[in-house]
């Protein structure tokens, strides 16, 4: 029952991400979807996958999306989907059938076991992985900064010529002042 509720909320939030009018809202809905997926993975016994999904999916990807949107700006884009609605509906139904096929046998065949706490998984078993993921997040942000950095256009020839003429006038004035000082 809990799996069904988590999956229903995941699908609902994914739908909200698709239907959001603003890109920033869509990125935040996708972060919620990723966090819910991490909870599903953790509750199914895949603690390591859950940690990676939470740190990369909900963390790094969301930070990069929000940063890219803030740099590039939001523009309303009215594009039609390249995928026909019937194909998208068929793929969605197939995904739910496959998901149900994978989840139902897994619930009945699992032996009872104790799950380690999230802090045990993060800080004791996978501390090096978490450290590397933090480094990857910072490297990704710095790489995105490098990619999205504004390149300054070279000066137009008349503007450059005017700047050089202004510099020459200022140097001539300084030279004249130094000659007058020496004459006194």
Protein backbone atom coordinates (compact mmCIF):
# COMPACT_ATOMS: atom_id res chain seq x y z
CA UNK A 1 0.00 0.00 0.00
CA UNK A 2 2.86 2.38 0.84
CA UNK A 3 4.57 1.56 -2.46
CA UNK A 4 1.40 2.33 -4.38
CA UNK A 5 1.00 5.64 -2.56
CA UNK A 6 4.63 6.62 -3.17
CA UNK A 7 4.40 5.67 -6.84
CA UNK A 8 1.10 7.57 -7.22
CA UNK A 9 2.66 10.71 -5.74
CA UNK A 10 5.74 10.26 -7.93
CA UNK A 11 3.59 10.05 -11.05
CA UNK A 12 1.49 13.02 -9.92
CA UNK A 13 4.54 15.20 -9.31
CA UNK A 14 6.08 14.09 -12.61
CA UNK A 15 2.87 15.14 -14.35
CA UNK A 16 3.01 18.50 -12.56
CA UNK A 17 6.60 18.91 -13.74
CA UNK A 18 5.51 18.32 -17.32
CA UNK A 19 2.54 20.68 -17.09
CA UNK A 20 4.30 23.51 -15.21
CA UNK A 21 4.26 26.82 -17.06
CA UNK A 22 7.58 28.03 -15.65
CA UNK A 23 10.87 26.18 -16.02
CA UNK A 24 11.93 26.81 -12.41
CA UNK A 25 8.71 25.23 -11.11
CA UNK A 26 9.27 22.26 -13.41
CA UNK A 27 12.82 21.79 -12.09
CA UNK A 28 11.58 21.86 -8.50
CA UNK A 29 8.82 19.32 -9.23
CA UNK A 30 11.45 17.07 -10.80
CA UNK A 31 13.52 17.37 -7.61
CA UNK A 32 10.51 16.16 -5.62
CA UNK A 33 10.08 13.26 -8.04
CA UNK A 34 13.72 12.31 -7.60
CA UNK A 35 13.45 12.52 -3.81
CA UNK A 36 10.37 10.28 -3.84
CA UNK A 37 12.20 7.81 -6.07
CA UNK A 38 15.02 7.77 -3.54
CA UNK A 39 12.49 6.93 -0.80
CA UNK A 40 11.06 4.11 -2.96
CA UNK A 41 14.52 2.73 -3.65
CA UNK A 42 15.45 2.90 0.04
CA UNK A 43 12.27 1.16 1.16
CA UNK A 44 12.81 -1.60 -1.41
CA UNK A 45 16.25 -2.34 0.03
CA UNK A 46 18.41 -0.56 -2.52
CA UNK A 47 20.02 1.85 -0.08
CA UNK A 48 23.03 2.63 -2.26
CA UNK A 49 20.90 3.42 -5.28
CA UNK A 50 18.71 5.60 -3.05
CA UNK A 51 21.69 7.59 -1.83
CA UNK A 52 22.96 8.13 -5.37
CA UNK A 53 19.49 9.10 -6.62
CA UNK A 54 19.07 11.56 -3.79
CA UNK A 55 22.46 13.19 -4.17
CA UNK A 56 22.72 13.21 -7.96
CA UNK A 57 19.08 13.23 -9.07
CA UNK A 58 17.58 15.54 -6.47
CA UNK A 59 20.79 17.41 -5.67
CA UNK A 60 23.16 17.93 -8.57
CA UNK A 61 20.64 17.87 -11.41
CA UNK A 62 18.31 20.28 -9.62
CA UNK A 63 21.13 22.68 -8.81
CA UNK A 64 22.32 22.60 -12.42
CA UNK A 65 18.78 23.09 -13.79
CA UNK A 66 18.05 26.03 -11.49
CA UNK A 67 21.43 27.58 -12.18
CA UNK A 68 21.06 27.18 -15.96
CA UNK A 69 17.55 28.62 -15.86
CA UNK A 70 18.71 31.59 -13.81
CA UNK A 71 21.59 32.25 -16.23
CA UNK A 72 19.69 31.66 -19.48
CA UNK A 73 16.39 33.16 -18.31
CA UNK A 74 12.92 31.82 -18.75
CA UNK A 75 11.10 32.22 -22.00
CA UNK A 76 7.69 30.85 -22.83
CA UNK A 77 8.05 28.29 -25.56
CA UNK A 78 5.03 26.91 -27.35
CA UNK A 79 6.33 23.84 -29.13
CA UNK A 80 4.28 20.85 -30.07
CA UNK A 81 5.38 17.45 -28.89
CA UNK A 82 7.31 15.32 -31.35
CA UNK A 83 5.87 12.16 -29.80
CA UNK A 84 2.26 11.35 -30.74
CA UNK A 85 -0.11 11.19 -27.77
CA UNK A 86 -1.08 7.60 -28.55
CA UNK A 87 2.57 6.49 -28.44
CA UNK A 88 3.14 8.36 -25.16
CA UNK A 89 0.01 6.78 -23.63
CA UNK A 90 1.08 3.31 -24.80
CA UNK A 91 4.57 3.75 -23.37
CA UNK A 92 3.09 4.93 -20.06
CA UNK A 93 0.78 1.91 -19.83
CA UNK A 94 3.68 -0.41 -20.69
CA UNK A 95 5.80 1.24 -17.98
CA UNK A 96 3.08 0.68 -15.36
CA UNK A 97 2.66 -2.96 -16.41
CA UNK A 98 6.41 -3.58 -16.19
CA UNK A 99 6.62 -1.77 -12.86
CA UNK A 100 3.77 -3.86 -11.48
CA UNK A 101 5.39 -7.03 -12.79
CA UNK A 102 8.65 -6.19 -11.06
CA UNK A 103 7.12 -5.03 -7.77
CA UNK A 104 4.57 -7.77 -7.08
CA UNK A 105 6.95 -10.77 -7.06
CA UNK A 106 9.54 -8.77 -5.15
CA UNK A 107 7.12 -8.12 -2.28
CA UNK A 108 6.19 -11.78 -1.78
CA UNK A 109 9.67 -13.28 -2.25
CA UNK A 110 11.63 -10.97 0.05
CA UNK A 111 12.84 -12.52 3.29
CA UNK A 112 12.50 -10.29 6.33
CA UNK A 113 15.67 -8.40 7.13
CA UNK A 114 16.70 -5.37 9.09
CA UNK A 115 17.49 -2.30 7.06
CA UNK A 116 20.45 -0.15 8.02
CA UNK A 117 19.70 3.46 8.81
CA UNK A 118 20.35 6.12 6.21
CA UNK A 119 23.15 7.59 8.31
CA UNK A 120 24.86 4.19 8.45
CA UNK A 121 24.64 3.82 4.68
CA UNK A 122 25.82 7.38 4.02
CA UNK A 123 28.58 7.92 6.53
CA UNK A 124 29.88 4.47 7.43
CA UNK A 125 29.45 2.24 4.40
CA UNK A 126 29.69 4.73 1.54
CA UNK A 127 31.58 7.73 2.92
CA UNK A 128 34.07 7.80 0.04
CA UNK A 129 31.23 7.71 -2.51
CA UNK A 130 29.46 10.59 -0.80
CA UNK A 131 32.68 12.62 -0.76
CA UNK A 132 33.22 11.94 -4.46
CA UNK A 133 29.62 12.94 -5.22
CA UNK A 134 30.16 16.24 -3.43
CA UNK A 135 33.27 16.82 -5.55
CA UNK A 136 31.28 15.92 -8.69
CA UNK A 137 28.55 18.40 -7.73
CA UNK A 138 31.06 21.22 -7.33
CA UNK A 139 32.86 20.24 -10.53
CA UNK A 140 29.54 20.22 -12.37
CA UNK A 141 28.62 23.67 -11.10
CA UNK A 142 32.04 25.04 -12.04
CA UNK A 143 31.83 23.38 -15.46
CA UNK A 144 28.41 24.91 -16.02
CA UNK A 145 29.78 28.30 -15.00
CA UNK A 146 32.50 27.89 -17.59
CA UNK A 147 30.05 26.85 -20.29
CA UNK A 148 27.55 29.59 -19.59
CA UNK A 149 30.04 32.39 -18.97
CA UNK A 150 29.42 35.38 -21.12
CA UNK A 151 31.99 35.92 -23.81
CA UNK A 152 32.66 39.60 -24.29
CA UNK A 153 32.42 40.62 -27.88
CA UNK A 154 35.48 42.39 -29.30
CA UNK A 155 35.17 46.13 -29.62
CA UNK A 156 33.98 47.47 -32.89
CA UNK A 157 36.74 49.18 -34.85
CA UNK A 158 35.37 52.77 -34.47
CA UNK A 159 34.89 52.28 -30.73
CA UNK A 160 38.41 50.87 -30.32
CA UNK A 161 39.81 53.72 -32.39
CA UNK A 162 38.00 56.29 -30.21
CA UNK A 163 39.31 54.63 -27.04
CA UNK A 164 42.86 54.71 -28.38
CA UNK A 165 42.48 58.40 -29.38
CA UNK A 166 41.19 59.25 -25.87
CA UNK A 167 44.16 57.44 -24.33
CA UNK A 168 46.56 59.32 -26.62
CA UNK A 169 44.99 62.68 -25.65
CA UNK A 170 45.37 61.87 -21.95
CA UNK A 171 49.02 60.83 -22.43
CA UNK A 172 49.71 64.01 -24.40
CA UNK A 173 48.16 66.11 -21.61
CA UNK A 174 50.30 64.34 -19.00
CA UNK A 175 53.39 64.87 -21.19
CA UNK A 176 52.61 68.58 -21.58
CA UNK A 177 52.16 68.91 -17.80
CA UNK A 178 55.53 67.25 -17.17
CA UNK A 179 57.24 69.61 -19.71
CA UNK A 180 55.66 72.66 -18.04
CA UNK A 181 56.84 71.43 -14.62
CA UNK A 182 60.37 70.95 -15.89
CA UNK A 183 60.35 74.46 -17.43
CA UNK A 184 59.49 76.05 -14.10
